[in-house]
mmCIF file of all heavy atoms, coordinates in Angstrom:
data_MODEL
# 
_entry.id   MODEL 
# 
loop_
_atom_site.group_PDB 
_atom_site.id 
_atom_site.type_symbol 
_atom_site.label_atom_id 
_atom_site.label_alt_id 
_atom_site.label_comp_id 
_atom_site.label_asym_id 
_atom_site.label_entity_id 
_atom_site.label_seq_id 
_atom_site.pdbx_PDB_ins_code 
_atom_site.Cartn_x 
_atom_site.Cartn_y 
_atom_site.Cartn_z 
_atom_site.occupancy 
_atom_site.B_iso_or_equiv 
_atom_site.pdbx_formal_charge 
_atom_site.auth_seq_id 
_atom_site.auth_comp_id 
_atom_site.auth_asym_id 
_atom_site.auth_atom_id 
_atom_site.pdbx_PDB_model_num 
ATOM 1   N N   . PRO A 1 1  ? -40.457 77.244 -75.746 1.00 0.00 ? 1  PRO A N   1 
ATOM 2   C CA  . PRO A 1 1  ? -39.706 76.610 -74.641 1.00 0.00 ? 1  PRO A CA  1 
ATOM 3   C C   . PRO A 1 1  ? -38.291 77.203 -74.479 1.00 0.00 ? 1  PRO A C   1 
ATOM 4   O O   . PRO A 1 1  ? -37.560 77.381 -75.458 1.00 0.00 ? 1  PRO A O   1 
ATOM 5   C CB  . PRO A 1 1  ? -39.624 75.150 -75.069 1.00 0.00 ? 1  PRO A CB  1 
ATOM 6   C CG  . PRO A 1 1  ? -39.647 75.189 -76.570 1.00 0.00 ? 1  PRO A CG  1 
ATOM 7   C CD  . PRO A 1 1  ? -40.481 76.366 -76.953 1.00 0.00 ? 1  PRO A CD  1 
ATOM 8   N N   . TYR A 1 2  ? -37.934 77.464 -73.239 1.00 0.00 ? 2  TYR A N   1 
ATOM 9   C CA  . TYR A 1 2  ? -36.601 77.938 -72.891 1.00 0.00 ? 2  TYR A CA  1 
ATOM 10  C C   . TYR A 1 2  ? -36.112 77.176 -71.652 1.00 0.00 ? 2  TYR A C   1 
ATOM 11  O O   . TYR A 1 2  ? -36.927 76.658 -70.877 1.00 0.00 ? 2  TYR A O   1 
ATOM 12  C CB  . TYR A 1 2  ? -36.604 79.425 -72.543 1.00 0.00 ? 2  TYR A CB  1 
ATOM 13  C CG  . TYR A 1 2  ? -36.914 80.333 -73.702 1.00 0.00 ? 2  TYR A CG  1 
ATOM 14  C CD1 . TYR A 1 2  ? -38.224 80.648 -74.048 1.00 0.00 ? 2  TYR A CD1 1 
ATOM 15  C CD2 . TYR A 1 2  ? -35.872 80.907 -74.458 1.00 0.00 ? 2  TYR A CD2 1 
ATOM 16  C CE1 . TYR A 1 2  ? -38.506 81.501 -75.110 1.00 0.00 ? 2  TYR A CE1 1 
ATOM 17  C CE2 . TYR A 1 2  ? -36.156 81.772 -75.518 1.00 0.00 ? 2  TYR A CE2 1 
ATOM 18  C CZ  . TYR A 1 2  ? -37.459 82.034 -75.846 1.00 0.00 ? 2  TYR A CZ  1 
ATOM 19  O OH  . TYR A 1 2  ? -37.744 82.878 -76.897 1.00 0.00 ? 2  TYR A OH  1 
ATOM 20  N N   . TYR A 1 3  ? -34.798 77.115 -71.514 1.00 0.00 ? 3  TYR A N   1 
ATOM 21  C CA  . TYR A 1 3  ? -34.229 76.631 -70.256 1.00 0.00 ? 3  TYR A CA  1 
ATOM 22  C C   . TYR A 1 3  ? -33.633 77.808 -69.517 1.00 0.00 ? 3  TYR A C   1 
ATOM 23  O O   . TYR A 1 3  ? -32.892 78.626 -70.099 1.00 0.00 ? 3  TYR A O   1 
ATOM 24  C CB  . TYR A 1 3  ? -33.158 75.560 -70.506 1.00 0.00 ? 3  TYR A CB  1 
ATOM 25  C CG  . TYR A 1 3  ? -33.747 74.189 -70.688 1.00 0.00 ? 3  TYR A CG  1 
ATOM 26  C CD1 . TYR A 1 3  ? -34.069 73.696 -71.952 1.00 0.00 ? 3  TYR A CD1 1 
ATOM 27  C CD2 . TYR A 1 3  ? -34.026 73.393 -69.581 1.00 0.00 ? 3  TYR A CD2 1 
ATOM 28  C CE1 . TYR A 1 3  ? -34.635 72.448 -72.120 1.00 0.00 ? 3  TYR A CE1 1 
ATOM 29  C CE2 . TYR A 1 3  ? -34.592 72.129 -69.739 1.00 0.00 ? 3  TYR A CE2 1 
ATOM 30  C CZ  . TYR A 1 3  ? -34.888 71.672 -70.996 1.00 0.00 ? 3  TYR A CZ  1 
ATOM 31  O OH  . TYR A 1 3  ? -35.459 70.428 -71.151 1.00 0.00 ? 3  TYR A OH  1 
ATOM 32  N N   . THR A 1 4  ? -33.992 77.923 -68.247 1.00 0.00 ? 4  THR A N   1 
ATOM 33  C CA  . THR A 1 4  ? -33.365 78.944 -67.404 1.00 0.00 ? 4  THR A CA  1 
ATOM 34  C C   . THR A 1 4  ? -32.270 78.254 -66.586 1.00 0.00 ? 4  THR A C   1 
ATOM 35  O O   . THR A 1 4  ? -32.492 77.198 -66.001 1.00 0.00 ? 4  THR A O   1 
ATOM 36  C CB  . THR A 1 4  ? -34.393 79.595 -66.463 1.00 0.00 ? 4  THR A CB  1 
ATOM 37  O OG1 . THR A 1 4  ? -35.027 78.610 -65.654 1.00 0.00 ? 4  THR A OG1 1 
ATOM 38  C CG2 . THR A 1 4  ? -35.452 80.331 -67.281 1.00 0.00 ? 4  THR A CG2 1 
ATOM 39  N N   . VAL A 1 5  ? -31.106 78.870 -66.560 1.00 0.00 ? 5  VAL A N   1 
ATOM 40  C CA  . VAL A 1 5  ? -29.960 78.326 -65.844 1.00 0.00 ? 5  VAL A CA  1 
ATOM 41  C C   . VAL A 1 5  ? -29.398 79.448 -64.977 1.00 0.00 ? 5  VAL A C   1 
ATOM 42  O O   . VAL A 1 5  ? -29.109 80.554 -65.473 1.00 0.00 ? 5  VAL A O   1 
ATOM 43  C CB  . VAL A 1 5  ? -28.863 77.827 -66.809 1.00 0.00 ? 5  VAL A CB  1 
ATOM 44  C CG1 . VAL A 1 5  ? -27.681 77.255 -66.031 1.00 0.00 ? 5  VAL A CG1 1 
ATOM 45  C CG2 . VAL A 1 5  ? -29.440 76.779 -67.764 1.00 0.00 ? 5  VAL A CG2 1 
ATOM 46  N N   . THR A 1 6  ? -29.259 79.200 -63.680 1.00 0.00 ? 6  THR A N   1 
ATOM 47  C CA  . THR A 1 6  ? -28.726 80.216 -62.785 1.00 0.00 ? 6  THR A CA  1 
ATOM 48  C C   . THR A 1 6  ? -27.200 80.184 -62.796 1.00 0.00 ? 6  THR A C   1 
ATOM 49  O O   . THR A 1 6  ? -26.600 79.114 -62.647 1.00 0.00 ? 6  THR A O   1 
ATOM 50  C CB  . THR A 1 6  ? -29.225 79.983 -61.351 1.00 0.00 ? 6  THR A CB  1 
ATOM 51  O OG1 . THR A 1 6  ? -30.657 79.979 -61.336 1.00 0.00 ? 6  THR A OG1 1 
ATOM 52  C CG2 . THR A 1 6  ? -28.735 81.094 -60.424 1.00 0.00 ? 6  THR A CG2 1 
ATOM 53  N N   . LYS A 1 7  ? -26.618 81.365 -63.028 1.00 0.00 ? 7  LYS A N   1 
ATOM 54  C CA  . LYS A 1 7  ? -25.161 81.478 -62.898 1.00 0.00 ? 7  LYS A CA  1 
ATOM 55  C C   . LYS A 1 7  ? -24.886 81.977 -61.482 1.00 0.00 ? 7  LYS A C   1 
ATOM 56  O O   . LYS A 1 7  ? -25.293 83.079 -61.105 1.00 0.00 ? 7  LYS A O   1 
ATOM 57  C CB  . LYS A 1 7  ? -24.587 82.459 -63.914 1.00 0.00 ? 7  LYS A CB  1 
ATOM 58  C CG  . LYS A 1 7  ? -23.072 82.409 -64.011 1.00 0.00 ? 7  LYS A CG  1 
ATOM 59  C CD  . LYS A 1 7  ? -22.507 83.360 -65.058 1.00 0.00 ? 7  LYS A CD  1 
ATOM 60  C CE  . LYS A 1 7  ? -22.446 84.763 -64.505 1.00 0.00 ? 7  LYS A CE  1 
ATOM 61  N NZ  . LYS A 1 7  ? -21.732 85.708 -65.433 1.00 0.00 ? 7  LYS A NZ  1 
ATOM 62  N N   . ASP A 1 8  ? -24.220 81.136 -60.697 1.00 0.00 ? 8  ASP A N   1 
ATOM 63  C CA  . ASP A 1 8  ? -24.034 81.408 -59.277 1.00 0.00 ? 8  ASP A CA  1 
ATOM 64  C C   . ASP A 1 8  ? -22.654 82.000 -58.999 1.00 0.00 ? 8  ASP A C   1 
ATOM 65  O O   . ASP A 1 8  ? -21.719 81.905 -59.801 1.00 0.00 ? 8  ASP A O   1 
ATOM 66  C CB  . ASP A 1 8  ? -24.189 80.113 -58.466 1.00 0.00 ? 8  ASP A CB  1 
ATOM 67  C CG  . ASP A 1 8  ? -25.661 79.746 -58.271 1.00 0.00 ? 8  ASP A CG  1 
ATOM 68  O OD1 . ASP A 1 8  ? -26.513 80.423 -58.851 1.00 0.00 ? 8  ASP A OD1 1 
ATOM 69  O OD2 . ASP A 1 8  ? -25.932 78.784 -57.540 1.00 0.00 ? 8  ASP A OD2 1 
ATOM 70  N N   . ARG A 1 9  ? -22.564 82.567 -57.816 1.00 0.00 ? 9  ARG A N   1 
ATOM 71  C CA  . ARG A 1 9  ? -21.275 83.014 -57.293 1.00 0.00 ? 9  ARG A CA  1 
ATOM 72  C C   . ARG A 1 9  ? -21.092 82.421 -55.907 1.00 0.00 ? 9  ARG A C   1 
ATOM 73  O O   . ARG A 1 9  ? -22.082 82.129 -55.206 1.00 0.00 ? 9  ARG A O   1 
ATOM 74  C CB  . ARG A 1 9  ? -21.222 84.539 -57.219 1.00 0.00 ? 9  ARG A CB  1 
ATOM 75  C CG  . ARG A 1 9  ? -22.264 85.173 -56.316 1.00 0.00 ? 9  ARG A CG  1 
ATOM 76  C CD  . ARG A 1 9  ? -22.127 86.677 -56.271 1.00 0.00 ? 9  ARG A CD  1 
ATOM 77  N NE  . ARG A 1 9  ? -23.194 87.310 -55.521 1.00 0.00 ? 9  ARG A NE  1 
ATOM 78  C CZ  . ARG A 1 9  ? -23.184 87.438 -54.186 1.00 0.00 ? 9  ARG A CZ  1 
ATOM 79  N NH1 . ARG A 1 9  ? -22.177 86.971 -53.474 1.00 0.00 ? 9  ARG A NH1 1 
ATOM 80  N NH2 . ARG A 1 9  ? -24.203 88.020 -53.566 1.00 0.00 ? 9  ARG A NH2 1 
ATOM 81  N N   . LEU A 1 10 ? -19.830 82.258 -55.501 1.00 0.00 ? 10 LEU A N   1 
ATOM 82  C CA  . LEU A 1 10 ? -19.556 81.757 -54.177 1.00 0.00 ? 10 LEU A CA  1 
ATOM 83  C C   . LEU A 1 10 ? -19.915 82.777 -53.104 1.00 0.00 ? 10 LEU A C   1 
ATOM 84  O O   . LEU A 1 10 ? -19.795 83.985 -53.314 1.00 0.00 ? 10 LEU A O   1 
ATOM 85  C CB  . LEU A 1 10 ? -18.075 81.377 -54.060 1.00 0.00 ? 10 LEU A CB  1 
ATOM 86  C CG  . LEU A 1 10 ? -17.604 80.182 -54.897 1.00 0.00 ? 10 LEU A CG  1 
ATOM 87  C CD1 . LEU A 1 10 ? -16.085 80.084 -54.852 1.00 0.00 ? 10 LEU A CD1 1 
ATOM 88  C CD2 . LEU A 1 10 ? -18.244 78.900 -54.407 1.00 0.00 ? 10 LEU A CD2 1 
ATOM 89  N N   . THR A 1 11 ? -20.349 82.295 -51.940 1.00 0.00 ? 11 THR A N   1 
ATOM 90  C CA  . THR A 1 11 ? -20.591 83.174 -50.819 1.00 0.00 ? 11 THR A CA  1 
ATOM 91  C C   . THR A 1 11 ? -19.272 83.521 -50.140 1.00 0.00 ? 11 THR A C   1 
ATOM 92  O O   . THR A 1 11 ? -18.199 83.007 -50.499 1.00 0.00 ? 11 THR A O   1 
ATOM 93  C CB  . THR A 1 11 ? -21.545 82.507 -49.809 1.00 0.00 ? 11 THR A CB  1 
ATOM 94  O OG1 . THR A 1 11 ? -20.967 81.243 -49.421 1.00 0.00 ? 11 THR A OG1 1 
ATOM 95  C CG2 . THR A 1 11 ? -22.889 82.245 -50.439 1.00 0.00 ? 11 THR A CG2 1 
ATOM 96  N N   . LEU A 1 12 ? -19.330 84.341 -49.108 1.00 0.00 ? 12 LEU A N   1 
ATOM 97  C CA  . LEU A 1 12 ? -18.102 84.783 -48.440 1.00 0.00 ? 12 LEU A CA  1 
ATOM 98  C C   . LEU A 1 12 ? -17.313 83.641 -47.817 1.00 0.00 ? 12 LEU A C   1 
ATOM 99  O O   . LEU A 1 12 ? -16.086 83.685 -47.734 1.00 0.00 ? 12 LEU A O   1 
ATOM 100 C CB  . LEU A 1 12 ? -18.443 85.815 -47.356 1.00 0.00 ? 12 LEU A CB  1 
ATOM 101 C CG  . LEU A 1 12 ? -18.950 87.165 -47.881 1.00 0.00 ? 12 LEU A CG  1 
ATOM 102 C CD1 . LEU A 1 12 ? -19.348 88.063 -46.718 1.00 0.00 ? 12 LEU A CD1 1 
ATOM 103 C CD2 . LEU A 1 12 ? -17.917 87.838 -48.747 1.00 0.00 ? 12 LEU A CD2 1 
ATOM 104 N N   . ASN A 1 13 ? -18.020 82.600 -47.392 1.00 0.00 ? 13 ASN A N   1 
ATOM 105 C CA  . ASN A 1 13 ? -17.317 81.475 -46.789 1.00 0.00 ? 13 ASN A CA  1 
ATOM 106 C C   . ASN A 1 13 ? -16.826 80.460 -47.826 1.00 0.00 ? 13 ASN A C   1 
ATOM 107 O O   . ASN A 1 13 ? -16.312 79.401 -47.463 1.00 0.00 ? 13 ASN A O   1 
ATOM 108 C CB  . ASN A 1 13 ? -18.195 80.776 -45.762 1.00 0.00 ? 13 ASN A CB  1 
ATOM 109 C CG  . ASN A 1 13 ? -19.479 80.187 -46.360 1.00 0.00 ? 13 ASN A CG  1 
ATOM 110 O OD1 . ASN A 1 13 ? -19.684 80.261 -47.581 1.00 0.00 ? 13 ASN A OD1 1 
ATOM 111 N ND2 . ASN A 1 13 ? -20.317 79.614 -45.524 1.00 0.00 ? 13 ASN A ND2 1 
ATOM 112 N N   . LYS A 1 14 ? -17.000 80.791 -49.111 1.00 0.00 ? 14 LYS A N   1 
ATOM 113 C CA  . LYS A 1 14 ? -16.501 79.944 -50.219 1.00 0.00 ? 14 LYS A CA  1 
ATOM 114 C C   . LYS A 1 14 ? -17.130 78.553 -50.226 1.00 0.00 ? 14 LYS A C   1 
ATOM 115 O O   . LYS A 1 14 ? -16.546 77.604 -50.717 1.00 0.00 ? 14 LYS A O   1 
ATOM 116 C CB  . LYS A 1 14 ? -14.979 79.821 -50.150 1.00 0.00 ? 14 LYS A CB  1 
ATOM 117 C CG  . LYS A 1 14 ? -14.232 81.161 -50.118 1.00 0.00 ? 14 LYS A CG  1 
ATOM 118 C CD  . LYS A 1 14 ? -14.481 81.965 -51.385 1.00 0.00 ? 14 LYS A CD  1 
ATOM 119 C CE  . LYS A 1 14 ? -13.668 83.258 -51.370 1.00 0.00 ? 14 LYS A CE  1 
ATOM 120 N NZ  . LYS A 1 14 ? -13.915 84.097 -52.552 1.00 0.00 ? 14 LYS A NZ  1 
ATOM 121 N N   . MET A 1 15 ? -18.293 78.444 -49.657 1.00 0.00 ? 15 MET A N   1 
ATOM 122 C CA  . MET A 1 15 ? -18.939 77.131 -49.593 1.00 0.00 ? 15 MET A CA  1 
ATOM 123 C C   . MET A 1 15 ? -20.143 77.077 -50.550 1.00 0.00 ? 15 MET A C   1 
ATOM 124 O O   . MET A 1 15 ? -19.958 76.921 -51.743 1.00 0.00 ? 15 MET A O   1 
ATOM 125 C CB  . MET A 1 15 ? -19.315 76.818 -48.158 1.00 0.00 ? 15 MET A CB  1 
ATOM 126 C CG  . MET A 1 15 ? -18.092 76.639 -47.242 1.00 0.00 ? 15 MET A CG  1 
ATOM 127 S SD  . MET A 1 15 ? -17.316 75.013 -47.418 1.00 0.00 ? 15 MET A SD  1 
ATOM 128 C CE  . MET A 1 15 ? -18.540 73.967 -46.720 1.00 0.00 ? 15 MET A CE  1 
ATOM 129 N N   . PRO A 1 16 ? -21.401 77.310 -50.052 1.00 0.00 ? 16 PRO A N   1 
ATOM 130 C CA  . PRO A 1 16 ? -22.515 77.262 -50.987 1.00 0.00 ? 16 PRO A CA  1 
ATOM 131 C C   . PRO A 1 16 ? -22.477 78.447 -51.953 1.00 0.00 ? 16 PRO A C   1 
ATOM 132 O O   . PRO A 1 16 ? -21.697 79.367 -51.787 1.00 0.00 ? 16 PRO A O   1 
ATOM 133 C CB  . PRO A 1 16 ? -23.751 77.362 -50.060 1.00 0.00 ? 16 PRO A CB  1 
ATOM 134 C CG  . PRO A 1 16 ? -23.249 77.084 -48.700 1.00 0.00 ? 16 PRO A CG  1 
ATOM 135 C CD  . PRO A 1 16 ? -21.824 77.539 -48.671 1.00 0.00 ? 16 PRO A CD  1 
ATOM 136 N N   . THR A 1 17 ? -23.342 78.421 -52.936 1.00 0.00 ? 17 THR A N   1 
ATOM 137 C CA  . THR A 1 17 ? -23.412 79.497 -53.914 1.00 0.00 ? 17 THR A CA  1 
ATOM 138 C C   . THR A 1 17 ? -24.780 80.153 -53.896 1.00 0.00 ? 17 THR A C   1 
ATOM 139 O O   . THR A 1 17 ? -25.749 79.554 -53.424 1.00 0.00 ? 17 THR A O   1 
ATOM 140 C CB  . THR A 1 17 ? -23.116 78.979 -55.332 1.00 0.00 ? 17 THR A CB  1 
ATOM 141 O OG1 . THR A 1 17 ? -24.111 77.988 -55.673 1.00 0.00 ? 17 THR A OG1 1 
ATOM 142 C CG2 . THR A 1 17 ? -21.737 78.354 -55.412 1.00 0.00 ? 17 THR A CG2 1 
ATOM 143 N N   . VAL A 1 18 ? -24.848 81.369 -54.411 1.00 0.00 ? 18 VAL A N   1 
ATOM 144 C CA  . VAL A 1 18 ? -26.112 82.095 -54.544 1.00 0.00 ? 18 VAL A CA  1 
ATOM 145 C C   . VAL A 1 18 ? -26.173 82.695 -55.949 1.00 0.00 ? 18 VAL A C   1 
ATOM 146 O O   . VAL A 1 18 ? -25.139 82.889 -56.585 1.00 0.00 ? 18 VAL A O   1 
ATOM 147 C CB  . VAL A 1 18 ? -26.240 83.223 -53.488 1.00 0.00 ? 18 VAL A CB  1 
ATOM 148 C CG1 . VAL A 1 18 ? -26.353 82.653 -52.091 1.00 0.00 ? 18 VAL A CG1 1 
ATOM 149 C CG2 . VAL A 1 18 ? -25.055 84.172 -53.574 1.00 0.00 ? 18 VAL A CG2 1 
ATOM 150 N N   . PRO A 1 19 ? -27.378 82.968 -56.458 1.00 0.00 ? 19 PRO A N   1 
ATOM 151 C CA  . PRO A 1 19 ? -27.481 83.472 -57.833 1.00 0.00 ? 19 PRO A CA  1 
ATOM 152 C C   . PRO A 1 19 ? -26.776 84.808 -58.046 1.00 0.00 ? 19 PRO A C   1 
ATOM 153 O O   . PRO A 1 19 ? -26.825 85.698 -57.196 1.00 0.00 ? 19 PRO A O   1 
ATOM 154 C CB  . PRO A 1 19 ? -28.998 83.613 -58.021 1.00 0.00 ? 19 PRO A CB  1 
ATOM 155 C CG  . PRO A 1 19 ? -29.601 82.640 -57.069 1.00 0.00 ? 19 PRO A CG  1 
ATOM 156 C CD  . PRO A 1 19 ? -28.696 82.650 -55.885 1.00 0.00 ? 19 PRO A CD  1 
ATOM 157 N N   . GLN A 1 20 ? -26.112 84.922 -59.189 1.00 0.00 ? 20 GLN A N   1 
ATOM 158 C CA  . GLN A 1 20 ? -25.478 86.167 -59.605 1.00 0.00 ? 20 GLN A CA  1 
ATOM 159 C C   . GLN A 1 20 ? -26.195 86.752 -60.826 1.00 0.00 ? 20 GLN A C   1 
ATOM 160 O O   . GLN A 1 20 ? -26.360 87.954 -60.939 1.00 0.00 ? 20 GLN A O   1 
ATOM 161 C CB  . GLN A 1 20 ? -24.013 85.924 -59.925 1.00 0.00 ? 20 GLN A CB  1 
ATOM 162 C CG  . GLN A 1 20 ? -23.249 87.175 -60.330 1.00 0.00 ? 20 GLN A CG  1 
ATOM 163 C CD  . GLN A 1 20 ? -21.795 86.886 -60.619 1.00 0.00 ? 20 GLN A CD  1 
ATOM 164 O OE1 . GLN A 1 20 ? -21.451 85.758 -61.027 1.00 0.00 ? 20 GLN A OE1 1 
ATOM 165 N NE2 . GLN A 1 20 ? -20.926 87.848 -60.397 1.00 0.00 ? 20 GLN A NE2 1 
ATOM 166 N N   . SER A 1 21 ? -26.614 85.889 -61.725 1.00 0.00 ? 21 SER A N   1 
ATOM 167 C CA  . SER A 1 21 ? -27.363 86.327 -62.901 1.00 0.00 ? 21 SER A CA  1 
ATOM 168 C C   . SER A 1 21 ? -28.136 85.123 -63.415 1.00 0.00 ? 21 SER A C   1 
ATOM 169 O O   . SER A 1 21 ? -27.967 83.995 -62.921 1.00 0.00 ? 21 SER A O   1 
ATOM 170 C CB  . SER A 1 21 ? -26.432 86.873 -63.991 1.00 0.00 ? 21 SER A CB  1 
ATOM 171 O OG  . SER A 1 21 ? -25.540 85.872 -64.431 1.00 0.00 ? 21 SER A OG  1 
ATOM 172 N N   . LEU A 1 22 ? -28.986 85.356 -64.409 1.00 0.00 ? 22 LEU A N   1 
ATOM 173 C CA  . LEU A 1 22 ? -29.782 84.259 -64.978 1.00 0.00 ? 22 LEU A CA  1 
ATOM 174 C C   . LEU A 1 22 ? -29.471 84.119 -66.452 1.00 0.00 ? 22 LEU A C   1 
ATOM 175 O O   . LEU A 1 22 ? -29.485 85.110 -67.209 1.00 0.00 ? 22 LEU A O   1 
ATOM 176 C CB  . LEU A 1 22 ? -31.274 84.523 -64.778 1.00 0.00 ? 22 LEU A CB  1 
ATOM 177 C CG  . LEU A 1 22 ? -32.181 83.367 -65.232 1.00 0.00 ? 22 LEU A CG  1 
ATOM 178 C CD1 . LEU A 1 22 ? -32.089 82.209 -64.244 1.00 0.00 ? 22 LEU A CD1 1 
ATOM 179 C CD2 . LEU A 1 22 ? -33.634 83.823 -65.387 1.00 0.00 ? 22 LEU A CD2 1 
ATOM 180 N N   . LEU A 1 23 ? -29.215 82.882 -66.881 1.00 0.00 ? 23 LEU A N   1 
ATOM 181 C CA  . LEU A 1 23 ? -29.025 82.567 -68.288 1.00 0.00 ? 23 LEU A CA  1 
ATOM 182 C C   . LEU A 1 23 ? -30.325 81.994 -68.831 1.00 0.00 ? 23 LEU A C   1 
ATOM 183 O O   . LEU A 1 23 ? -30.906 81.094 -68.234 1.00 0.00 ? 23 LEU A O   1 
ATOM 184 C CB  . LEU A 1 23 ? -27.892 81.556 -68.458 1.00 0.00 ? 23 LEU A CB  1 
ATOM 185 C CG  . LEU A 1 23 ? -26.555 81.895 -67.806 1.00 0.00 ? 23 LEU A CG  1 
ATOM 186 C CD1 . LEU A 1 23 ? -25.567 80.756 -68.020 1.00 0.00 ? 23 LEU A CD1 1 
ATOM 187 C CD2 . LEU A 1 23 ? -25.997 83.207 -68.353 1.00 0.00 ? 23 LEU A CD2 1 
ATOM 188 N N   . ILE A 1 24 ? -30.783 82.524 -69.947 1.00 0.00 ? 24 ILE A N   1 
ATOM 189 C CA  . ILE A 1 24 ? -31.969 81.997 -70.628 1.00 0.00 ? 24 ILE A CA  1 
ATOM 190 C C   . ILE A 1 24 ? -31.528 81.403 -71.955 1.00 0.00 ? 24 ILE A C   1 
ATOM 191 O O   . ILE A 1 24 ? -30.983 82.112 -72.803 1.00 0.00 ? 24 ILE A O   1 
ATOM 192 C CB  . ILE A 1 24 ? -33.036 83.088 -70.812 1.00 0.00 ? 24 ILE A CB  1 
ATOM 193 C CG1 . ILE A 1 24 ? -33.504 83.581 -69.454 1.00 0.00 ? 24 ILE A CG1 1 
ATOM 194 C CG2 . ILE A 1 24 ? -34.198 82.538 -71.629 1.00 0.00 ? 24 ILE A CG2 1 
ATOM 195 C CD1 . ILE A 1 24 ? -34.625 84.612 -69.535 1.00 0.00 ? 24 ILE A CD1 1 
ATOM 196 N N   . VAL A 1 25 ? -31.741 80.107 -72.095 1.00 0.00 ? 25 VAL A N   1 
ATOM 197 C CA  . VAL A 1 25 ? -31.277 79.357 -73.257 1.00 0.00 ? 25 VAL A CA  1 
ATOM 198 C C   . VAL A 1 25 ? -32.485 78.987 -74.122 1.00 0.00 ? 25 VAL A C   1 
ATOM 199 O O   . VAL A 1 25 ? -33.417 78.312 -73.649 1.00 0.00 ? 25 VAL A O   1 
ATOM 200 C CB  . VAL A 1 25 ? -30.517 78.087 -72.841 1.00 0.00 ? 25 VAL A CB  1 
ATOM 201 C CG1 . VAL A 1 25 ? -29.934 77.400 -74.065 1.00 0.00 ? 25 VAL A CG1 1 
ATOM 202 C CG2 . VAL A 1 25 ? -29.431 78.415 -71.815 1.00 0.00 ? 25 VAL A CG2 1 
ATOM 203 N N   . ASP A 1 26 ? -32.498 79.417 -75.337 1.00 0.00 ? 26 ASP A N   1 
ATOM 204 C CA  . ASP A 1 26 ? -33.551 79.004 -76.265 1.00 0.00 ? 26 ASP A CA  1 
ATOM 205 C C   . ASP A 1 26 ? -33.366 77.525 -76.545 1.00 0.00 ? 26 ASP A C   1 
ATOM 206 O O   . ASP A 1 26 ? -32.349 77.092 -77.101 1.00 0.00 ? 26 ASP A O   1 
ATOM 207 C CB  . ASP A 1 26 ? -33.452 79.818 -77.557 1.00 0.00 ? 26 ASP A CB  1 
ATOM 208 C CG  . ASP A 1 26 ? -34.655 79.619 -78.468 1.00 0.00 ? 26 ASP A CG  1 
ATOM 209 O OD1 . ASP A 1 26 ? -35.087 78.467 -78.641 1.00 0.00 ? 26 ASP A OD1 1 
ATOM 210 O OD2 . ASP A 1 26 ? -35.152 80.624 -79.006 1.00 0.00 ? 26 ASP A OD2 1 
ATOM 211 N N   . ALA A 1 27 ? -34.352 76.701 -76.141 1.00 0.00 ? 27 ALA A N   1 
ATOM 212 C CA  . ALA A 1 27 ? -34.231 75.247 -76.272 1.00 0.00 ? 27 ALA A CA  1 
ATOM 213 C C   . ALA A 1 27 ? -34.254 74.809 -77.730 1.00 0.00 ? 27 ALA A C   1 
ATOM 214 O O   . ALA A 1 27 ? -33.916 73.650 -78.021 1.00 0.00 ? 27 ALA A O   1 
ATOM 215 C CB  . ALA A 1 27 ? -35.376 74.561 -75.498 1.00 0.00 ? 27 ALA A CB  1 
# 
């Protein structure tokens, strides 16, 4: 079992976010 957590970055309008990389955490 692992947890995947998305590390996001802000979009150009500084509002919603989109994925920048993926963190995989050994549960």
